[in-house]
Amino acid sequence: MSKHGNATSTTDGTVGRHPQYDVFADGYLEHATNSVYNAHYDRPACLRLLGDVANKTVLDAGCGPGLYSEELVRRGARVVGFDQSERMVELSRQLAPQGDFRVHDLADPLDWLDDKQFDLVLLALVLEHVDDRRATLAELRRVLKETGALVVSFQHPTATWLSHGGSYFDTTLIEDKWSLGWDVQYWRTSLEQTSEEICDAGFLIERIVEPLPTEEVATIDTETYETLLSKPGFIAMRLVPR
């Protein structure tokens, strides 16, 4: 998703309790189905880090409209998903009817899920919208099997710093307007702080991927293709319990 560069920022406020994607859920599904940043950049990176999902139980946390869940089901996974947006959950049920979806806020404990229930957990492009990231990651650690892995992706902190300025090392609440006119808020944190939050929650970072666009992007959007070959947009990690 491309963004305007004139966002304001503040160190006050919260993000996670506001289901901001709910108001443009249908438009987001239409956009993300084939957009460069979603279909040809983040989803391929996350799916590679998840690996073979056949016959595995996967939690899609902050599942959005179900695009990742749809592909996971197609690859043979048993998928459970949730999102704080009621409309996103409705869309997920339509897109991946074999999955089990419900409305739930990542800010709340996952008290409807058992300990060590899942082989894999996916948290794609959600972490930056969470206020208490340590608590959320710790809950995902609780429901993950000891032999499992959590794949997480989020906006690259360097990219947001280059777009919005300020101190790279400050935890900053960004108020942004994306190019389709959608108003969003998210946290920008340094890579060091995010890594500390991950470790505090009981994970080790097994792999870090700064993805490159698929070659197909060169025929879809040459400008974005060239940009992503030289400047990171997102970052993805595979985390394992420690």
C-alpha atoms as a PDB file:
ATOM      1  CA  MET A   1       0.000   0.000   0.000  1.00  0.00           C
ATOM      2  CA  SER A   2       1.529   3.312  -1.013  1.00  0.00           C
ATOM      3  CA  LYS A   3       1.208   6.279   1.322  1.00  0.00           C
ATOM      4  CA  HIS A   4       1.333  10.040   1.238  1.00  0.00           C
ATOM      5  CA  GLY A   5       4.433  11.496   2.831  1.00  0.00           C
ATOM      6  CA  ASN A   6       2.829  14.327   4.798  1.00  0.00           C
ATOM      7  CA  ALA A   7       1.644  12.381   7.835  1.00  0.00           C
ATOM      8  CA  THR A   8       1.802  13.949  11.277  1.00  0.00           C
ATOM      9  CA  SER A   9       3.151  12.105  14.288  1.00  0.00           C
ATOM     10  CA  THR A  10       2.738  12.199  18.047  1.00  0.00           C
ATOM     11  CA  THR A  11       4.009  10.266  21.044  1.00  0.00           C
ATOM     12  CA  ASP A  12       0.543  10.242  22.732  1.00  0.00           C
ATOM     13  CA  GLY A  13      -2.506   8.058  22.195  1.00  0.00           C
ATOM     14  CA  THR A  14      -3.342   4.480  21.417  1.00  0.00           C
ATOM     15  CA  VAL A  15      -4.112   2.572  18.260  1.00  0.00           C
ATOM     16  CA  GLY A  16      -5.194  -0.958  18.998  1.00  0.00           C
ATOM     17  CA  ARG A  17      -8.715  -0.411  20.357  1.00  0.00           C
ATOM     18  CA  HIS A  18      -9.900   1.346  17.222  1.00  0.00           C
ATOM     19  CA  PRO A  19     -11.050  -1.049  14.445  1.00  0.00           C
ATOM     20  CA  GLN A  20      -9.874   1.456  11.843  1.00  0.00           C
ATOM     21  CA  TYR A  21      -9.844  -1.022   8.955  1.00  0.00           C
ATOM     22  CA  ASP A  22     -13.536  -1.772   9.464  1.00  0.00           C
ATOM     23  CA  VAL A  23     -14.635   1.331   7.562  1.00  0.00           C
ATOM     24  CA  PHE A  24     -12.784   0.324   4.386  1.00  0.00           C
ATOM     25  CA  ALA A  25     -12.744  -3.479   4.743  1.00  0.00           C
ATOM     26  CA  ASP A  26     -14.359  -4.189   1.363  1.00  0.00           C
ATOM     27  CA  GLY A  27     -12.102  -1.729  -0.408  1.00  0.00           C
ATOM     28  CA  TYR A  28      -9.074  -3.210   1.312  1.00  0.00           C
ATOM     29  CA  LEU A  29      -9.980  -6.698   0.103  1.00  0.00           C
ATOM     30  CA  GLU A  30     -10.383  -5.444  -3.452  1.00  0.00           C
ATOM     31  CA  HIS A  31      -7.057  -3.629  -3.273  1.00  0.00           C
ATOM     32  CA  ALA A  32      -4.982  -6.233  -1.421  1.00  0.00           C
ATOM     33  CA  THR A  33      -6.064  -9.149  -3.597  1.00  0.00           C
ATOM     34  CA  ASN A  34      -3.656  -8.136  -6.364  1.00  0.00           C
ATOM     35  CA  SER A  35      -1.741  -5.099  -5.095  1.00  0.00           C
ATOM     36  CA  VAL A  36       2.046  -5.095  -5.335  1.00  0.00           C
ATOM     37  CA  TYR A  37       2.731  -4.621  -1.615  1.00  0.00           C
ATOM     38  CA  ASN A  38       0.268  -7.308  -0.556  1.00  0.00           C
ATOM     39  CA  ALA A  39       0.055  -9.953  -3.282  1.00  0.00           C
ATOM     40  CA  HIS A  40       3.587  -9.701  -4.666  1.00  0.00           C
ATOM     41  CA  TYR A  41       5.624  -8.623  -1.654  1.00  0.00           C
ATOM     42  CA  ASP A  42       4.318  -9.460   1.817  1.00  0.00           C
ATOM     43  CA  ARG A  43       2.213 -12.573   1.208  1.00  0.00           C
ATOM     44  CA  PRO A  44       4.945 -14.434  -0.706  1.00  0.00           C
ATOM     45  CA  ALA A  45       7.497 -13.589   2.008  1.00  0.00           C
ATOM     46  CA  CYS A  46       5.244 -14.734   4.852  1.00  0.00           C
ATOM     47  CA  LEU A  47       4.222 -17.929   3.095  1.00  0.00           C
ATOM     48  CA  ARG A  48       7.850 -18.832   2.441  1.00  0.00           C
ATOM     49  CA  LEU A  49       8.703 -18.355   6.114  1.00  0.00           C
ATOM     50  CA  LEU A  50       5.744 -20.486   7.199  1.00  0.00           C
ATOM     51  CA  GLY A  51       6.962 -23.325   5.015  1.00  0.00           C
ATOM     52  CA  ASP A  52       4.939 -26.491   4.423  1.00  0.00           C
ATOM     53  CA  VAL A  53       1.578 -26.025   6.157  1.00  0.00           C
ATOM     54  CA  ALA A  54      -0.132 -29.208   4.966  1.00  0.00           C
ATOM     55  CA  ASN A  55      -2.039 -30.879   7.834  1.00  0.00           C
ATOM     56  CA  LYS A  56      -0.849 -28.221  10.274  1.00  0.00           C
ATOM     57  CA  THR A  57      -3.013 -26.065  12.518  1.00  0.00           C
ATOM     58  CA  VAL A  58      -2.372 -22.379  11.823  1.00  0.00           C
ATOM     59  CA  LEU A  59      -3.617 -19.316  13.711  1.00  0.00           C
ATOM     60  CA  ASP A  60      -4.078 -16.263  11.469  1.00  0.00           C
ATOM     61  CA  ALA A  61      -4.006 -13.462  14.041  1.00  0.00           C
ATOM     62  CA  GLY A  62      -5.449 -10.217  12.717  1.00  0.00           C
ATOM     63  CA  CYS A  63      -6.608 -12.111   9.651  1.00  0.00           C
ATOM     64  CA  GLY A  64      -8.044  -9.112   7.802  1.00  0.00           C
ATOM     65  CA  PRO A  65     -10.255 -10.115   4.857  1.00  0.00           C
ATOM     66  CA  GLY A  66      -8.840 -13.655   4.759  1.00  0.00           C
ATOM     67  CA  LEU A  67      -6.368 -13.518   1.875  1.00  0.00           C
ATOM     68  CA  TYR A  68      -3.612 -15.311   3.807  1.00  0.00           C
ATOM     69  CA  SER A  69      -6.108 -17.784   5.288  1.00  0.00           C
ATOM     70  CA  GLU A  70      -7.465 -18.585   1.848  1.00  0.00           C
ATOM     71  CA  GLU A  71      -4.003 -19.541   0.619  1.00  0.00           C
ATOM     72  CA  LEU A  72      -3.178 -21.471   3.792  1.00  0.00           C
ATOM     73  CA  VAL A  73      -6.352 -23.537   3.420  1.00  0.00           C
ATOM     74  CA  ARG A  74      -5.531 -24.137  -0.239  1.00  0.00           C
ATOM     75  CA  ARG A  75      -2.154 -25.487   0.867  1.00  0.00           C
ATOM     76  CA  GLY A  76      -3.766 -27.959   3.263  1.00  0.00           C
ATOM     77  CA  ALA A  77      -3.712 -26.138   6.618  1.00  0.00           C
ATOM     78  CA  ARG A  78      -6.408 -26.145   9.278  1.00  0.00           C
ATOM     79  CA  VAL A  79      -6.919 -22.429   9.885  1.00  0.00           C
ATOM     80  CA  VAL A  80      -8.284 -20.515  12.851  1.00  0.00           C
ATOM     81  CA  GLY A  81      -8.434 -16.760  12.410  1.00  0.00           C
ATOM     82  CA  PHE A  82      -9.613 -13.642  14.157  1.00  0.00           C
ATOM     83  CA  ASP A  83      -9.790  -9.904  13.640  1.00  0.00           C
ATOM     84  CA  GLN A  84     -11.191  -6.986  15.640  1.00  0.00           C
ATOM     85  CA  SER A  85     -13.204  -5.883  12.587  1.00  0.00           C
ATOM     86  CA  GLU A  86     -16.566  -7.600  12.195  1.00  0.00           C
ATOM     87  CA  ARG A  87     -16.599  -6.917   8.474  1.00  0.00           C
ATOM     88  CA  MET A  88     -13.124  -8.374   8.014  1.00  0.00           C
ATOM     89  CA  VAL A  89     -14.265 -11.549   9.746  1.00  0.00           C
ATOM     90  CA  GLU A  90     -17.322 -11.741   7.478  1.00  0.00           C
ATOM     91  CA  LEU A  91     -15.076 -11.431   4.430  1.00  0.00           C
ATOM     92  CA  SER A  92     -12.705 -14.094   5.766  1.00  0.00           C
ATOM     93  CA  ARG A  93     -15.586 -16.515   6.196  1.00  0.00           C
ATOM     94  CA  GLN A  94     -16.614 -15.900   2.599  1.00  0.00           C
ATOM     95  CA  LEU A  95     -13.098 -16.233   1.218  1.00  0.00           C
ATOM     96  CA  ALA A  96     -12.018 -19.244   3.292  1.00  0.00           C
ATOM     97  CA  PRO A  97     -15.203 -21.029   4.412  1.00  0.00           C
ATOM     98  CA  GLN A  98     -13.184 -24.020   5.625  1.00  0.00           C
ATOM     99  CA  GLY A  99     -11.574 -21.832   8.298  1.00  0.00           C
ATOM    100  CA  ASP A 100     -12.852 -21.026  11.775  1.00  0.00           C
ATOM    101  CA  PHE A 101     -13.084 -17.246  12.243  1.00  0.00           C
ATOM    102  CA  ARG A 102     -14.285 -14.968  15.011  1.00  0.00           C
ATOM    103  CA  VAL A 103     -14.193 -11.342  16.120  1.00  0.00           C
ATOM    104  CA  HIS A 104     -11.506 -10.750  18.724  1.00  0.00           C
ATOM    105  CA  ASP A 105      -9.204  -7.864  19.657  1.00  0.00           C
ATOM    106  CA  LEU A 106      -5.475  -8.585  19.869  1.00  0.00           C
ATOM    107  CA  ALA A 107      -5.380  -6.279  22.878  1.00  0.00           C
ATOM    108  CA  ASP A 108      -7.354  -8.900  24.848  1.00  0.00           C
ATOM    109  CA  PRO A 109      -6.100 -12.282  26.090  1.00  0.00           C
ATOM    110  CA  LEU A 110      -6.781 -15.217  23.802  1.00  0.00           C
ATOM    111  CA  ASP A 111      -8.782 -16.909  26.546  1.00  0.00           C
ATOM    112  CA  TRP A 112     -10.757 -18.989  24.054  1.00  0.00           C
ATOM    113  CA  LEU A 113      -7.607 -20.743  22.854  1.00  0.00           C
ATOM    114  CA  ASP A 114      -5.680 -23.506  24.641  1.00  0.00           C
ATOM    115  CA  ASP A 115      -2.005 -23.514  25.498  1.00  0.00           C
ATOM    116  CA  LYS A 116       0.257 -24.962  22.794  1.00  0.00           C
ATOM    117  CA  GLN A 117      -2.653 -25.413  20.399  1.00  0.00           C
ATOM    118  CA  PHE A 118      -1.059 -24.317  17.106  1.00  0.00           C
ATOM    119  CA  ASP A 119       1.755 -25.567  14.917  1.00  0.00           C
ATOM    120  CA  LEU A 120       2.172 -22.132  13.347  1.00  0.00           C
ATOM    121  CA  VAL A 121       0.980 -18.580  13.988  1.00  0.00           C
ATOM    122  CA  LEU A 122       0.854 -15.787  11.421  1.00  0.00           C
ATOM    123  CA  LEU A 123       0.789 -12.099  12.368  1.00  0.00           C
ATOM    124  CA  ALA A 124       0.967 -10.287   9.029  1.00  0.00           C
ATOM    125  CA  LEU A 125       1.072  -6.464   8.890  1.00  0.00           C
ATOM    126  CA  VAL A 126      -0.616  -6.186  12.278  1.00  0.00           C
ATOM    127  CA  LEU A 127       2.087  -5.698  14.915  1.00  0.00           C
ATOM    128  CA  GLU A 128       2.455  -1.967  14.233  1.00  0.00           C
ATOM    129  CA  HIS A 129      -1.226  -1.488  15.145  1.00  0.00           C
ATOM    130  CA  VAL A 130      -0.803  -3.094  18.593  1.00  0.00           C
ATOM    131  CA  ASP A 131      -0.278  -0.893  21.650  1.00  0.00           C
ATOM    132  CA  ASP A 132       1.137  -3.510  24.060  1.00  0.00           C
ATOM    133  CA  ARG A 133       3.221  -5.628  21.738  1.00  0.00           C
ATOM    134  CA  ARG A 134       4.932  -7.599  24.505  1.00  0.00           C
ATOM    135  CA  ALA A 135       1.601  -8.791  25.913  1.00  0.00           C
ATOM    136  CA  THR A 136       0.237  -9.702  22.484  1.00  0.00           C
ATOM    137  CA  LEU A 137       3.366 -11.600  21.485  1.00  0.00           C
ATOM    138  CA  ALA A 138       3.394 -13.412  24.838  1.00  0.00           C
ATOM    139  CA  GLU A 139      -0.176 -14.618  24.236  1.00  0.00           C
ATOM    140  CA  LEU A 140       0.783 -15.868  20.799  1.00  0.00           C
ATOM    141  CA  ARG A 141       3.746 -17.629  22.401  1.00  0.00           C
ATOM    142  CA  ARG A 142       1.358 -19.306  24.865  1.00  0.00           C
ATOM    143  CA  VAL A 143      -0.862 -20.831  22.184  1.00  0.00           C
ATOM    144  CA  LEU A 144       2.092 -21.973  20.035  1.00  0.00           C
ATOM    145  CA  LYS A 145       3.545 -25.457  20.322  1.00  0.00           C
ATOM    146  CA  GLU A 146       7.146 -25.714  21.516  1.00  0.00           C
ATOM    147  CA  THR A 147       8.108 -27.044  18.089  1.00  0.00           C
ATOM    148  CA  GLY A 148       6.182 -24.315  16.273  1.00  0.00           C
ATOM    149  CA  ALA A 149       6.967 -20.916  14.805  1.00  0.00           C
ATOM    150  CA  LEU A 150       5.426 -17.454  14.611  1.00  0.00           C
ATOM    151  CA  VAL A 151       5.798 -15.552  11.347  1.00  0.00           C
ATOM    152  CA  VAL A 152       5.385 -11.808  11.748  1.00  0.00           C
ATOM    153  CA  SER A 153       5.612  -9.012   9.191  1.00  0.00           C
ATOM    154  CA  PHE A 154       5.352  -5.258   9.610  1.00  0.00           C
ATOM    155  CA  GLN A 155       6.344  -2.005   7.980  1.00  0.00           C
ATOM    156  CA  HIS A 156      10.102  -1.670   7.850  1.00  0.00           C
ATOM    157  CA  PRO A 157      11.119   0.930  10.482  1.00  0.00           C
ATOM    158  CA  THR A 158      13.635   2.453   8.086  1.00  0.00           C
ATOM    159  CA  ALA A 159      10.919   2.979   5.479  1.00  0.00           C
ATOM    160  CA  THR A 160       8.578   4.760   7.874  1.00  0.00           C
ATOM    161  CA  TRP A 161      11.432   6.853   9.252  1.00  0.00           C
ATOM    162  CA  LEU A 162      12.436   7.953   5.753  1.00  0.00           C
ATOM    163  CA  SER A 163       8.808   8.798   4.958  1.00  0.00           C
ATOM    164  CA  HIS A 164       7.943  10.697   8.129  1.00  0.00           C
ATOM    165  CA  GLY A 165      11.195  11.899   9.698  1.00  0.00           C
ATOM    166  CA  GLY A 166      11.755  12.572  13.373  1.00  0.00           C
ATOM    167  CA  SER A 167      14.030  10.478  15.532  1.00  0.00           C
ATOM    168  CA  TYR A 168      14.364   6.901  14.347  1.00  0.00           C
ATOM    169  CA  PHE A 169      14.863   5.810  17.968  1.00  0.00           C
ATOM    170  CA  ASP A 170      11.630   7.283  19.344  1.00  0.00           C
ATOM    171  CA  THR A 171       8.496   5.202  19.676  1.00  0.00           C
ATOM    172  CA  THR A 172       6.147   7.317  17.606  1.00  0.00           C
ATOM    173  CA  LEU A 173       2.457   7.114  16.786  1.00  0.00           C
ATOM    174  CA  ILE A 174       2.107   7.822  13.076  1.00  0.00           C
ATOM    175  CA  GLU A 175      -1.126   9.279  11.700  1.00  0.00           C
ATOM    176  CA  ASP A 176      -1.136   8.588   7.996  1.00  0.00           C
ATOM    177  CA  LYS A 177      -3.328   8.914   4.927  1.00  0.00           C
ATOM    178  CA  TRP A 178      -2.822   6.163   2.394  1.00  0.00           C
ATOM    179  CA  SER A 179      -3.037   6.857  -1.312  1.00  0.00           C
ATOM    180  CA  LEU A 180      -6.590   5.499  -1.569  1.00  0.00           C
ATOM    181  CA  GLY A 181      -7.739   8.075   0.982  1.00  0.00           C
ATOM    182  CA  TRP A 182      -7.787   5.775   4.023  1.00  0.00           C
ATOM    183  CA  ASP A 183      -6.776   7.301   7.358  1.00  0.00           C
ATOM    184  CA  VAL A 184      -4.695   4.932   9.504  1.00  0.00           C
ATOM    185  CA  GLN A 185      -2.630   5.018  12.672  1.00  0.00           C
ATOM    186  CA  TYR A 186       0.267   2.777  13.599  1.00  0.00           C
ATOM    187  CA  TRP A 187       3.343   2.686  15.812  1.00  0.00           C
ATOM    188  CA  ARG A 188       6.860   3.172  14.531  1.00  0.00           C
ATOM    189  CA  THR A 189       9.526   1.553  16.707  1.00  0.00           C
ATOM    190  CA  SER A 190      13.203   0.941  16.127  1.00  0.00           C
ATOM    191  CA  LEU A 191      14.291  -2.517  15.060  1.00  0.00           C
ATOM    192  CA  GLU A 192      16.195  -2.874  18.325  1.00  0.00           C
ATOM    193  CA  GLN A 193      13.103  -2.179  20.420  1.00  0.00           C
ATOM    194  CA  THR A 194      10.966  -4.569  18.375  1.00  0.00           C
ATOM    195  CA  SER A 195      13.624  -7.258  18.795  1.00  0.00           C
ATOM    196  CA  GLU A 196      13.662  -6.713  22.565  1.00  0.00           C
ATOM    197  CA  GLU A 197       9.863  -6.994  22.712  1.00  0.00           C
ATOM    198  CA  ILE A 198      10.047 -10.249  20.759  1.00  0.00           C
ATOM    199  CA  CYS A 199      12.645 -11.704  23.115  1.00  0.00           C
ATOM    200  CA  ASP A 200      10.795 -10.505  26.228  1.00  0.00           C
ATOM    201  CA  ALA A 201       7.724 -12.385  24.975  1.00  0.00           C
ATOM    202  CA  GLY A 202       9.652 -15.667  24.885  1.00  0.00           C
ATOM    203  CA  PHE A 203      10.832 -15.892  21.274  1.00  0.00           C
ATOM    204  CA  LEU A 204      14.103 -16.154  19.428  1.00  0.00           C
ATOM    205  CA  ILE A 205      14.463 -14.648  15.961  1.00  0.00           C
ATOM    206  CA  GLU A 206      15.284 -17.546  13.663  1.00  0.00           C
ATOM    207  CA  ARG A 207      15.189 -15.677  10.348  1.00  0.00           C
ATOM    208  CA  ILE A 208      14.833 -12.089   9.158  1.00  0.00           C
ATOM    209  CA  VAL A 209      13.683 -11.391   5.614  1.00  0.00           C
ATOM    210  CA  GLU A 210      13.728  -7.995   3.936  1.00  0.00           C
ATOM    211  CA  PRO A 211      11.737  -9.114   0.902  1.00  0.00           C
ATOM    212  CA  LEU A 212      12.261  -8.221  -2.701  1.00  0.00           C
ATOM    213  CA  PRO A 213       9.294  -7.902  -5.049  1.00  0.00           C
ATOM    214  CA  THR A 214       8.430 -10.837  -7.260  1.00  0.00           C
ATOM    215  CA  GLU A 215       9.651 -10.544 -10.838  1.00  0.00           C
ATOM    216  CA  GLU A 216       6.045 -10.213 -11.975  1.00  0.00           C
ATOM    217  CA  VAL A 217       5.961  -6.743 -10.411  1.00  0.00           C
ATOM    218  CA  ALA A 218       8.303  -5.495 -13.150  1.00  0.00           C
ATOM    219  CA  THR A 219       5.474  -5.966 -15.644  1.00  0.00           C
ATOM    220  CA  ILE A 220       2.780  -4.576 -13.328  1.00  0.00           C
ATOM    221  CA  ASP A 221       4.340  -1.452 -11.821  1.00  0.00           C
ATOM    222  CA  THR A 222       7.858  -0.633 -12.955  1.00  0.00           C
ATOM    223  CA  GLU A 223       8.275   2.332 -10.616  1.00  0.00           C
ATOM    224  CA  THR A 224       7.294   0.376  -7.498  1.00  0.00           C
ATOM    225  CA  TYR A 225       9.446  -2.536  -8.626  1.00  0.00           C
ATOM    226  CA  GLU A 226      12.517  -0.321  -8.886  1.00  0.00           C
ATOM    227  CA  THR A 227      11.733   1.312  -5.541  1.00  0.00           C
ATOM    228  CA  LEU A 228      11.435  -2.004  -3.693  1.00  0.00           C
ATOM    229  CA  LEU A 229      14.673  -3.244  -5.237  1.00  0.00           C
ATOM    230  CA  SER A 230      16.531  -0.379  -3.548  1.00  0.00           C
ATOM    231  CA  LYS A 231      14.445   0.549  -0.477  1.00  0.00           C
ATOM    232  CA  PRO A 232      12.780  -1.853   1.972  1.00  0.00           C
ATOM    233  CA  GLY A 233       9.026  -1.542   2.456  1.00  0.00           C
ATOM    234  CA  PHE A 234       8.227  -4.370   4.881  1.00  0.00           C
ATOM    235  CA  ILE A 235      10.226  -6.769   7.035  1.00  0.00           C
ATOM    236  CA  ALA A 236       9.297 -10.332   7.968  1.00  0.00           C
ATOM    237  CA  MET A 237      10.623 -12.628  10.686  1.00  0.00           C
ATOM    238  CA  ARG A 238      10.294 -16.262  11.683  1.00  0.00           C
ATOM    239  CA  LEU A 239      10.280 -16.554  15.469  1.00  0.00           C
ATOM    240  CA  VAL A 240      10.640 -19.741  17.501  1.00  0.00           C
ATOM    241  CA  PRO A 241      10.009 -20.365  21.214  1.00  0.00           C
ATOM    242  CA  ARG A 242      13.033 -20.066  23.471  1.00  0.00           C
END
